[in-house]
PDB file of N, CA and C in Angstrom:
ATOM      1  N   MET A   1       0.875  -1.099  -0.036  1.00  0.00           N
ATOM      2  CA  MET A   1       0.007   0.085  -0.060  1.00  0.00           C
ATOM      3  C   MET A   1       0.845   1.215   0.025  1.00  0.00           C
ATOM      4  N   LEU A   2       0.600   2.131  -0.921  1.00  0.00           N
ATOM      5  CA  LEU A   2       1.369   3.461  -0.977  1.00  0.00           C
ATOM      6  C   LEU A   2       0.331   4.487  -0.623  1.00  0.00           C
ATOM      7  N   VAL A   3       0.854   5.406   0.244  1.00  0.00           N
ATOM      8  CA  VAL A   3      -0.132   6.464   0.613  1.00  0.00           C
ATOM      9  C   VAL A   3       0.757   7.905   0.491  1.00  0.00           C
ATOM     10  N   ALA A   4       0.253   8.811  -0.039  1.00  0.00           N
ATOM     11  CA  ALA A   4       0.834  10.220  -0.164  1.00  0.00           C
ATOM     12  C   ALA A   4      -0.288  11.172  -0.648  1.00  0.00           C
ATOM     13  N   THR A   5      -0.078  12.339  -0.507  1.00  0.00           N
ATOM     14  CA  THR A   5      -0.960  13.415  -0.815  1.00  0.00           C
ATOM     15  C   THR A   5      -1.275  13.569  -2.377  1.00  0.00           C
ATOM     16  N   ASN A   6      -0.144  13.288  -3.077  1.00  0.00           N
ATOM     17  CA  ASN A   6      -0.270  13.543  -4.492  1.00  0.00           C
ATOM     18  C   ASN A   6      -0.544  12.330  -5.333  1.00  0.00           C
ATOM     19  N   ALA A   7      -1.713  12.196  -5.877  1.00  0.00           N
ATOM     20  CA  ALA A   7      -2.333  11.114  -6.590  1.00  0.00           C
ATOM     21  C   ALA A   7      -1.657  10.829  -7.837  1.00  0.00           C
ATOM     22  N   GLU A   8      -1.028  11.806  -8.517  1.00  0.00           N
ATOM     23  CA  GLU A   8      -0.227  11.676  -9.776  1.00  0.00           C
ATOM     24  C   GLU A   8       1.053  10.986  -9.497  1.00  0.00           C
ATOM     25  N   LYS A   9       1.653  11.384  -8.477  1.00  0.00           N
ATOM     26  CA  LYS A   9       2.994  10.936  -8.136  1.00  0.00           C
ATOM     27  C   LYS A   9       2.721   9.423  -7.605  1.00  0.00           C
ATOM     28  N   LEU A  10       1.704   9.218  -6.844  1.00  0.00           N
ATOM     29  CA  LEU A  10       1.587   7.730  -6.552  1.00  0.00           C
ATOM     30  C   LEU A  10       1.408   6.764  -7.569  1.00  0.00           C
ATOM     31  N   ALA A  11       0.594   7.272  -8.557  1.00  0.00           N
ATOM     32  CA  ALA A  11       0.297   6.423  -9.925  1.00  0.00           C
ATOM     33  C   ALA A  11       1.520   6.252 -10.418  1.00  0.00           C
ATOM     34  N   ALA A  12       2.528   7.169 -10.541  1.00  0.00           N
ATOM     35  CA  ALA A  12       3.908   6.825 -11.159  1.00  0.00           C
ATOM     36  C   ALA A  12       4.776   5.829 -10.418  1.00  0.00           C
ATOM     37  N   VAL A  13       4.762   5.925  -9.077  1.00  0.00           N
ATOM     38  CA  VAL A  13       5.457   5.020  -8.247  1.00  0.00           C
ATOM     39  C   VAL A  13       4.814   3.552  -8.513  1.00  0.00           C
ATOM     40  N   GLU A  14       3.452   3.586  -8.322  1.00  0.00           N
ATOM     41  CA  GLU A  14       2.865   2.321  -8.636  1.00  0.00           C
ATOM     42  C   GLU A  14       3.205   1.594  -9.944  1.00  0.00           C
ATOM     43  N   ALA A  15       3.173   2.358 -11.060  1.00  0.00           N
ATOM     44  CA  ALA A  15       3.599   2.001 -12.328  1.00  0.00           C
ATOM     45  C   ALA A  15       5.053   1.438 -12.338  1.00  0.00           C
ATOM     46  N   SER A  16       5.972   2.013 -11.739  1.00  0.00           N
ATOM     47  CA  SER A  16       7.285   1.659 -11.741  1.00  0.00           C
ATOM     48  C   SER A  16       7.429   0.404 -10.948  1.00  0.00           C
ATOM     49  N   LEU A  17       6.681   0.133  -9.793  1.00  0.00           N
ATOM     50  CA  LEU A  17       6.720  -1.078  -9.030  1.00  0.00           C
ATOM     51  C   LEU A  17       6.103  -2.129  -9.849  1.00  0.00           C
ATOM     52  N   ARG A  18       4.940  -1.937 -10.545  1.00  0.00           N
ATOM     53  CA  ARG A  18       4.509  -3.019 -11.417  1.00  0.00           C
ATOM     54  C   ARG A  18       5.385  -3.245 -12.651  1.00  0.00           C
ATOM     55  N   ALA A  19       6.348  -2.254 -12.982  1.00  0.00           N
ATOM     56  CA  ALA A  19       7.170  -2.703 -14.151  1.00  0.00           C
ATOM     57  C   ALA A  19       8.398  -3.645 -13.604  1.00  0.00           C
ATOM     58  N   ILE A  20       8.725  -3.398 -12.433  1.00  0.00           N
ATOM     59  CA  ILE A  20       9.508  -4.344 -11.798  1.00  0.00           C
ATOM     60  C   ILE A  20       9.049  -5.809 -11.543  1.00  0.00           C
ATOM     61  N   ASN A  21       7.787  -5.926 -11.035  1.00  0.00           N
ATOM     62  CA  ASN A  21       7.176  -7.025 -10.734  1.00  0.00           C
ATOM     63  C   ASN A  21       5.732  -6.956 -11.058  1.00  0.00           C
ATOM     64  N   PRO A  22       5.212  -7.375 -12.292  1.00  0.00           N
ATOM     65  CA  PRO A  22       3.850  -7.178 -12.740  1.00  0.00           C
ATOM     66  C   PRO A  22       2.881  -7.916 -11.700  1.00  0.00           C
ATOM     67  N   SER A  23       3.277  -8.854 -10.866  1.00  0.00           N
ATOM     68  CA  SER A  23       2.280  -9.589 -10.091  1.00  0.00           C
ATOM     69  C   SER A  23       2.181  -9.072  -8.674  1.00  0.00           C
ATOM     70  N   VAL A  24       2.920  -7.882  -8.265  1.00  0.00           N
ATOM     71  CA  VAL A  24       2.922  -7.434  -6.964  1.00  0.00           C
ATOM     72  C   VAL A  24       1.427  -6.779  -6.799  1.00  0.00           C
ATOM     73  N   GLN A  25       1.041  -6.982  -5.504  1.00  0.00           N
ATOM     74  CA  GLN A  25      -0.363  -6.317  -5.208  1.00  0.00           C
ATOM     75  C   GLN A  25      -0.043  -4.991  -4.568  1.00  0.00           C
ATOM     76  N   VAL A  26      -0.524  -4.036  -5.175  1.00  0.00           N
ATOM     77  CA  VAL A  26      -0.300  -2.614  -4.833  1.00  0.00           C
ATOM     78  C   VAL A  26      -1.676  -1.861  -4.725  1.00  0.00           C
ATOM     79  N   LEU A  27      -1.873  -1.112  -3.739  1.00  0.00           N
ATOM     80  CA  LEU A  27      -2.907  -0.169  -3.586  1.00  0.00           C
ATOM     81  C   LEU A  27      -2.422   1.153  -3.361  1.00  0.00           C
ATOM     82  N   SER A  28      -2.761   2.012  -4.240  1.00  0.00           N
ATOM     83  CA  SER A  28      -2.309   3.456  -3.945  1.00  0.00           C
ATOM     84  C   SER A  28      -3.460   4.420  -3.438  1.00  0.00           C
ATOM     85  N   VAL A  29      -3.356   5.170  -2.442  1.00  0.00           N
ATOM     86  CA  VAL A  29      -4.235   5.997  -1.843  1.00  0.00           C
ATOM     87  C   VAL A  29      -3.850   7.368  -1.694  1.00  0.00           C
ATOM     88  N   ALA A  30      -4.462   8.208  -2.204  1.00  0.00           N
ATOM     89  CA  ALA A  30      -4.143   9.825  -1.861  1.00  0.00           C
ATOM     90  C   ALA A  30      -4.768  10.100  -0.585  1.00  0.00           C
ATOM     91  N   ALA A  31      -4.046  10.380   0.369  1.00  0.00           N
ATOM     92  CA  ALA A  31      -4.579  10.793   1.714  1.00  0.00           C
ATOM     93  C   ALA A  31      -3.651  11.866   2.434  1.00  0.00           C
ATOM     94  N   ASN A  32      -4.350  12.670   3.262  1.00  0.00           N
ATOM     95  CA  ASN A  32      -3.760  13.735   3.868  1.00  0.00           C
ATOM     96  C   ASN A  32      -3.733  13.197   5.451  1.00  0.00           C
ATOM     97  N   ILE A  33      -2.407  12.745   5.886  1.00  0.00           N
ATOM     98  CA  ILE A  33      -2.378  12.032   7.266  1.00  0.00           C
ATOM     99  C   ILE A  33      -2.550  13.035   8.445  1.00  0.00           C
ATOM    100  N   ALA A  34      -2.628  14.377   8.095  1.00  0.00           N
ATOM    101  CA  ALA A  34      -2.920  15.504   9.149  1.00  0.00           C
ATOM    102  C   ALA A  34      -4.304  15.477   9.312  1.00  0.00           C
ATOM    103  N   ASP A  35      -5.231  14.944   8.544  1.00  0.00           N
ATOM    104  CA  ASP A  35      -6.668  14.960   8.577  1.00  0.00           C
ATOM    105  C   ASP A  35      -7.188  13.750   9.110  1.00  0.00           C
ATOM    106  N   ALA A  36      -7.920  13.753  10.256  1.00  0.00           N
ATOM    107  CA  ALA A  36      -8.294  12.590  10.943  1.00  0.00           C
ATOM    108  C   ALA A  36      -9.321  11.752  10.125  1.00  0.00           C
ATOM    109  N   GLN A  37     -10.211  12.446   9.326  1.00  0.00           N
ATOM    110  CA  GLN A  37     -11.059  11.744   8.347  1.00  0.00           C
ATOM    111  C   GLN A  37     -10.484  10.979   7.352  1.00  0.00           C
ATOM    112  N   SER A  38      -9.511  11.706   6.748  1.00  0.00           N
ATOM    113  CA  SER A  38      -8.584  11.030   5.766  1.00  0.00           C
ATOM    114  C   SER A  38      -8.139   9.787   6.078  1.00  0.00           C
ATOM    115  N   VAL A  39      -7.444   9.926   7.413  1.00  0.00           N
ATOM    116  CA  VAL A  39      -6.797   8.633   7.979  1.00  0.00           C
ATOM    117  C   VAL A  39      -7.663   7.580   8.225  1.00  0.00           C
ATOM    118  N   ALA A  40      -8.876   8.033   8.790  1.00  0.00           N
ATOM    119  CA  ALA A  40      -9.873   6.793   9.004  1.00  0.00           C
ATOM    120  C   ALA A  40     -10.387   6.296   7.790  1.00  0.00           C
ATOM    121  N   ASP A  41     -10.495   7.053   6.614  1.00  0.00           N
ATOM    122  CA  ASP A  41     -10.995   6.360   5.379  1.00  0.00           C
ATOM    123  C   ASP A  41      -9.764   5.453   4.853  1.00  0.00           C
ATOM    124  N   LEU A  42      -8.592   5.986   4.921  1.00  0.00           N
ATOM    125  CA  LEU A  42      -7.410   5.162   4.592  1.00  0.00           C
ATOM    126  C   LEU A  42      -7.315   3.813   5.121  1.00  0.00           C
ATOM    127  N   PHE A  43      -7.664   3.743   6.599  1.00  0.00           N
ATOM    128  CA  PHE A  43      -7.521   2.528   7.289  1.00  0.00           C
ATOM    129  C   PHE A  43      -8.761   1.670   6.866  1.00  0.00           C
ATOM    130  N   ALA A  44      -9.945   2.229   6.389  1.00  0.00           N
ATOM    131  CA  ALA A  44     -11.080   1.599   6.004  1.00  0.00           C
ATOM    132  C   ALA A  44     -10.799   0.793   4.754  1.00  0.00           C
ATOM    133  N   LYS A  45      -9.978   1.339   3.926  1.00  0.00           N
ATOM    134  CA  LYS A  45      -9.599   0.870   2.591  1.00  0.00           C
ATOM    135  C   LYS A  45      -8.529  -0.260   2.874  1.00  0.00           C
ATOM    136  N   VAL A  46      -7.712  -0.170   3.858  1.00  0.00           N
ATOM    137  CA  VAL A  46      -6.871  -1.157   4.297  1.00  0.00           C
ATOM    138  C   VAL A  46      -7.621  -2.357   4.750  1.00  0.00           C
ATOM    139  N   LYS A  47      -8.669  -2.215   5.562  1.00  0.00           N
ATOM    140  CA  LYS A  47      -9.369  -3.277   5.981  1.00  0.00           C
ATOM    141  C   LYS A  47     -10.352  -3.998   4.811  1.00  0.00           C
ATOM    142  N   THR A  48     -10.727  -3.149   3.949  1.00  0.00           N
ATOM    143  CA  THR A  48     -11.506  -3.713   2.820  1.00  0.00           C
ATOM    144  C   THR A  48     -10.656  -4.450   1.937  1.00  0.00           C
ATOM    145  N   ASN A  49      -9.417  -3.971   1.620  1.00  0.00           N
ATOM    146  CA  ASN A  49      -8.478  -4.697   0.654  1.00  0.00           C
ATOM    147  C   ASN A  49      -7.572  -5.727   1.107  1.00  0.00           C
ATOM    148  N   PHE A  50      -7.218  -5.708   2.360  1.00  0.00           N
ATOM    149  CA  PHE A  50      -6.314  -6.538   2.923  1.00  0.00           C
ATOM    150  C   PHE A  50      -6.651  -7.195   4.278  1.00  0.00           C
ATOM    151  N   GLY A  51      -7.782  -6.815   5.004  1.00  0.00           N
ATOM    152  CA  GLY A  51      -8.228  -7.349   6.202  1.00  0.00           C
ATOM    153  C   GLY A  51      -7.625  -6.746   7.261  1.00  0.00           C
ATOM    154  N   HIS A  52      -6.202  -6.264   7.245  1.00  0.00           N
ATOM    155  CA  HIS A  52      -5.508  -5.824   8.397  1.00  0.00           C
ATOM    156  C   HIS A  52      -4.205  -5.288   7.778  1.00  0.00           C
ATOM    157  N   ALA A  53      -3.619  -4.423   8.617  1.00  0.00           N
ATOM    158  CA  ALA A  53      -2.246  -3.919   8.417  1.00  0.00           C
ATOM    159  C   ALA A  53      -1.226  -4.698   9.198  1.00  0.00           C
ATOM    160  N   ASP A  54      -0.204  -5.165   8.866  1.00  0.00           N
ATOM    161  CA  ASP A  54       0.820  -5.919   9.592  1.00  0.00           C
ATOM    162  C   ASP A  54       1.869  -4.881  10.144  1.00  0.00           C
ATOM    163  N   ILE A  55       2.320  -3.972   9.136  1.00  0.00           N
ATOM    164  CA  ILE A  55       3.315  -3.093   9.451  1.00  0.00           C
ATOM    165  C   ILE A  55       2.949  -1.732   8.878  1.00  0.00           C
ATOM    166  N   LEU A  56       3.151  -0.703   9.680  1.00  0.00           N
ATOM    167  CA  LEU A  56       2.947   0.782   9.430  1.00  0.00           C
ATOM    168  C   LEU A  56       4.369   1.382   9.358  1.00  0.00           C
ATOM    169  N   VAL A  57       4.663   1.971   8.194  1.00  0.00           N
ATOM    170  CA  VAL A  57       5.921   2.759   8.182  1.00  0.00           C
ATOM    171  C   VAL A  57       5.469   4.262   7.867  1.00  0.00           C
ATOM    172  N   ASN A  58       5.576   5.103   8.875  1.00  0.00           N
ATOM    173  CA  ASN A  58       5.076   6.446   8.694  1.00  0.00           C
ATOM    174  C   ASN A  58       6.470   7.239   8.384  1.00  0.00           C
ATOM    175  N   SER A  59       6.497   7.759   7.123  1.00  0.00           N
ATOM    176  CA  SER A  59       7.735   8.485   6.970  1.00  0.00           C
ATOM    177  C   SER A  59       7.189   9.950   6.347  1.00  0.00           C
ATOM    178  N   ALA A  60       6.022  10.368   6.724  1.00  0.00           N
ATOM    179  CA  ALA A  60       5.434  11.735   6.298  1.00  0.00           C
ATOM    180  C   ALA A  60       6.263  12.748   6.900  1.00  0.00           C
ATOM    181  N   GLY A  61       6.233  14.009   6.149  1.00  0.00           N
ATOM    182  CA  GLY A  61       6.895  15.076   6.651  1.00  0.00           C
ATOM    183  C   GLY A  61       6.338  16.238   5.812  1.00  0.00           C
ATOM    184  N   VAL A  62       6.944  17.360   6.258  1.00  0.00           N
ATOM    185  CA  VAL A  62       6.484  18.687   5.734  1.00  0.00           C
ATOM    186  C   VAL A  62       7.929  19.440   5.296  1.00  0.00           C
ATOM    187  N   ASN A  63       7.919  19.957   4.137  1.00  0.00           N
ATOM    188  CA  ASN A  63       8.939  20.823   3.753  1.00  0.00           C
ATOM    189  C   ASN A  63       8.315  22.133   3.152  1.00  0.00           C
ATOM    190  N   ALA A  64       7.876  22.957   4.020  1.00  0.00           N
ATOM    191  CA  ALA A  64       7.303  24.305   3.491  1.00  0.00           C
ATOM    192  C   ALA A  64       8.388  25.105   2.895  1.00  0.00           C
ATOM    193  N   GLY A  65       9.551  25.006   3.210  1.00  0.00           N
ATOM    194  CA  GLY A  65      10.578  26.019   2.466  1.00  0.00           C
ATOM    195  C   GLY A  65      10.827  25.547   1.002  1.00  0.00           C
ATOM    196  N   GLY A  66      10.910  24.316   0.789  1.00  0.00           N
ATOM    197  CA  GLY A  66      11.163  23.859  -0.535  1.00  0.00           C
ATOM    198  C   GLY A  66      12.528  23.825  -1.151  1.00  0.00           C
ATOM    199  N   GLY A  67      13.484  24.413  -0.202  1.00  0.00           N
ATOM    200  CA  GLY A  67      15.021  24.529  -0.657  1.00  0.00           C
ATOM    201  C   GLY A  67      15.732  23.607   0.057  1.00  0.00           C
ATOM    202  N   ALA A  68      17.247  23.953  -0.241  1.00  0.00           N
ATOM    203  CA  ALA A  68      18.139  22.974   0.445  1.00  0.00           C
ATOM    204  C   ALA A  68      18.109  23.262   1.943  1.00  0.00           C
ATOM    205  N   ILE A  69      18.270  22.169   2.733  1.00  0.00           N
ATOM    206  CA  ILE A  69      18.296  22.367   4.027  1.00  0.00           C
ATOM    207  C   ILE A  69      19.243  23.512   4.754  1.00  0.00           C
ATOM    208  N   HIS A  70      20.377  23.473   4.160  1.00  0.00           N
ATOM    209  CA  HIS A  70      21.388  24.538   4.594  1.00  0.00           C
ATOM    210  C   HIS A  70      20.875  26.013   4.302  1.00  0.00           C
ATOM    211  N   ASP A  71      19.829  26.112   3.419  1.00  0.00           N
ATOM    212  CA  ASP A  71      19.524  27.408   3.032  1.00  0.00           C
ATOM    213  C   ASP A  71      18.191  27.858   3.783  1.00  0.00           C
ATOM    214  N   GLU A  72      17.621  26.979   4.646  1.00  0.00           N
ATOM    215  CA  GLU A  72      16.410  27.166   5.419  1.00  0.00           C
ATOM    216  C   GLU A  72      16.705  28.145   6.586  1.00  0.00           C
ATOM    217  N   ASP A  73      15.636  28.862   6.737  1.00  0.00           N
ATOM    218  CA  ASP A  73      15.561  29.425   8.088  1.00  0.00           C
ATOM    219  C   ASP A  73      15.600  28.377   9.205  1.00  0.00           C
ATOM    220  N   PRO A  74      16.280  28.631  10.111  1.00  0.00           N
ATOM    221  CA  PRO A  74      16.328  27.589  11.253  1.00  0.00           C
ATOM    222  C   PRO A  74      15.002  27.312  12.037  1.00  0.00           C
ATOM    223  N   ASP A  75      14.340  28.491  12.274  1.00  0.00           N
ATOM    224  CA  ASP A  75      12.914  28.319  13.000  1.00  0.00           C
ATOM    225  C   ASP A  75      11.994  27.642  11.960  1.00  0.00           C
ATOM    226  N   LYS A  76      11.983  27.980  10.640  1.00  0.00           N
ATOM    227  CA  LYS A  76      11.057  27.290   9.822  1.00  0.00           C
ATOM    228  C   LYS A  76      11.292  25.824   9.652  1.00  0.00           C
ATOM    229  N   TRP A  77      12.787  25.457   9.669  1.00  0.00           N
ATOM    230  CA  TRP A  77      13.011  24.094   9.518  1.00  0.00           C
ATOM    231  C   TRP A  77      12.612  23.364  10.763  1.00  0.00           C
ATOM    232  N   TRP A  78      12.809  23.962  11.914  1.00  0.00           N
ATOM    233  CA  TRP A  78      12.254  23.249  13.103  1.00  0.00           C
ATOM    234  C   TRP A  78      10.874  23.037  13.147  1.00  0.00           C
ATOM    235  N   GLN A  79      10.154  23.940  12.686  1.00  0.00           N
ATOM    236  CA  GLN A  79       8.548  23.750  12.578  1.00  0.00           C
ATOM    237  C   GLN A  79       8.389  22.487  11.590  1.00  0.00           C
ATOM    238  N   ASN A  80       9.044  22.466  10.501  1.00  0.00           N
ATOM    239  CA  ASN A  80       8.726  21.451   9.574  1.00  0.00           C
ATOM    240  C   ASN A  80       9.173  20.199  10.046  1.00  0.00           C
ATOM    241  N   PHE A  81      10.111  19.989  11.019  1.00  0.00           N
ATOM    242  CA  PHE A  81      10.646  18.964  11.516  1.00  0.00           C
ATOM    243  C   PHE A  81       9.582  18.475  12.724  1.00  0.00           C
ATOM    244  N   VAL A  82       9.213  19.313  13.599  1.00  0.00           N
ATOM    245  CA  VAL A  82       8.264  18.903  14.740  1.00  0.00           C
ATOM    246  C   VAL A  82       6.778  18.703  14.367  1.00  0.00           C
ATOM    247  N   CYS A  83       6.457  19.274  13.254  1.00  0.00           N
ATOM    248  CA  CYS A  83       5.115  19.295  12.918  1.00  0.00           C
ATOM    249  C   CYS A  83       4.468  17.892  12.717  1.00  0.00           C
ATOM    250  N   PRO A  84       5.195  17.007  12.088  1.00  0.00           N
ATOM    251  CA  PRO A  84       4.648  15.538  12.007  1.00  0.00           C
ATOM    252  C   PRO A  84       4.934  14.831  13.179  1.00  0.00           C
ATOM    253  N   LEU A  85       5.828  15.182  14.170  1.00  0.00           N
ATOM    254  CA  LEU A  85       6.051  14.521  15.433  1.00  0.00           C
ATOM    255  C   LEU A  85       4.948  15.052  16.533  1.00  0.00           C
ATOM    256  N   SER A  86       4.541  16.126  16.377  1.00  0.00           N
ATOM    257  CA  SER A  86       3.814  16.630  17.391  1.00  0.00           C
ATOM    258  C   SER A  86       2.302  16.781  17.141  1.00  0.00           C
ATOM    259  N   ASN A  87       1.737  16.023  16.024  1.00  0.00           N
ATOM    260  CA  ASN A  87       0.302  16.106  15.597  1.00  0.00           C
ATOM    261  C   ASN A  87      -0.433  15.653  16.896  1.00  0.00           C
ATOM    262  N   PRO A  88      -1.473  16.600  17.293  1.00  0.00           N
ATOM    263  CA  PRO A  88      -2.248  16.198  18.695  1.00  0.00           C
ATOM    264  C   PRO A  88      -3.359  15.310  18.317  1.00  0.00           C
ATOM    265  N   ARG A  89      -3.568  14.770  17.055  1.00  0.00           N
ATOM    266  CA  ARG A  89      -4.592  13.968  16.782  1.00  0.00           C
ATOM    267  C   ARG A  89      -4.357  12.562  17.363  1.00  0.00           C
ATOM    268  N   PRO A  90      -5.348  11.885  17.916  1.00  0.00           N
ATOM    269  CA  PRO A  90      -5.120  10.486  18.400  1.00  0.00           C
ATOM    270  C   PRO A  90      -4.760   9.523  17.205  1.00  0.00           C
ATOM    271  N   SER A  91      -4.121   8.464  17.311  1.00  0.00           N
ATOM    272  CA  SER A  91      -3.759   7.493  16.288  1.00  0.00           C
ATOM    273  C   SER A  91      -5.010   6.831  15.833  1.00  0.00           C
ATOM    274  N   PRO A  92      -5.281   6.617  14.675  1.00  0.00           N
ATOM    275  CA  PRO A  92      -6.346   5.787  14.082  1.00  0.00           C
ATOM    276  C   PRO A  92      -6.150   4.242  14.402  1.00  0.00           C
ATOM    277  N   LEU A  93      -4.782   4.022  14.820  1.00  0.00           N
ATOM    278  CA  LEU A  93      -4.529   2.504  15.032  1.00  0.00           C
ATOM    279  C   LEU A  93      -5.015   2.152  16.501  1.00  0.00           C
ATOM    280  N   PRO A  94      -5.776   0.894  16.503  1.00  0.00           N
ATOM    281  CA  PRO A  94      -5.965   0.452  17.962  1.00  0.00           C
ATOM    282  C   PRO A  94      -4.612   0.146  18.641  1.00  0.00           C
ATOM    283  N   ARG A  95      -4.578   0.074  19.853  1.00  0.00           N
ATOM    284  CA  ARG A  95      -3.356  -0.416  20.608  1.00  0.00           C
ATOM    285  C   ARG A  95      -3.059  -1.823  20.168  1.00  0.00           C
ATOM    286  N   GLN A  96      -1.819  -2.033  19.841  1.00  0.00           N
ATOM    287  CA  GLN A  96      -1.452  -3.251  19.238  1.00  0.00           C
ATOM    288  C   GLN A  96      -1.311  -4.297  20.376  1.00  0.00           C
ATOM    289  N   LYS A  97      -1.726  -5.457  20.161  1.00  0.00           N
ATOM    290  CA  LYS A  97      -1.569  -6.524  21.284  1.00  0.00           C
ATOM    291  C   LYS A  97      -0.571  -7.417  20.545  1.00  0.00           C
ATOM    292  N   ARG A  98       0.303  -8.188  21.346  1.00  0.00           N
ATOM    293  CA  ARG A  98       1.197  -9.111  20.801  1.00  0.00           C
ATOM    294  C   ARG A  98       0.712 -10.162  19.960  1.00  0.00           C
ATOM    295  N   ASN A  99       1.227 -10.486  18.819  1.00  0.00           N
ATOM    296  CA  ASN A  99       0.743 -11.242  17.752  1.00  0.00           C
ATOM    297  C   ASN A  99      -0.664 -11.046  17.058  1.00  0.00           C
ATOM    298  N   LYS A 100      -0.986  -9.740  17.153  1.00  0.00           N
ATOM    299  CA  LYS A 100      -2.159  -9.230  16.519  1.00  0.00           C
ATOM    300  C   LYS A 100      -1.942  -8.360  15.391  1.00  0.00           C
ATOM    301  N   PRO A 101      -2.685  -8.370  14.369  1.00  0.00           N
ATOM    302  CA  PRO A 101      -2.505  -7.474  13.227  1.00  0.00           C
ATOM    303  C   PRO A 101      -2.772  -5.848  13.801  1.00  0.00           C
ATOM    304  N   LEU A 102      -2.069  -4.937  13.221  1.00  0.00           N
ATOM    305  CA  LEU A 102      -2.344  -3.512  13.506  1.00  0.00           C
ATOM    306  C   LEU A 102      -3.733  -3.138  13.395  1.00  0.00           C
ATOM    307  N   TYR A 103      -4.257  -3.568  12.328  1.00  0.00           N
ATOM    308  CA  TYR A 103      -5.784  -2.987  12.050  1.00  0.00           C
ATOM    309  C   TYR A 103      -6.495  -4.025  11.323  1.00  0.00           C
TER     310      TYR A 103
END
């Protein structure tokens, strides 16, 4: 499962994965993880298509500056860094129990 905000870029990544292995099972979903409803809809799609999620890799981030890190204003860089780490929304994932799927 691939998740990002840009559906066009997701489609390109999915196509490149299928070019490597045409039999790979891929579901691409455009979602905004900063939006609780978007995340809930995302996990509903996980449940519908796969039954559950075994692993979640959250590598989301923000780069509002758009430039090279050494050219960034330090305060803006820090805000970009802490934003994904300090999101006050509760996790959409239930607390994981040993040997149970995430969702």
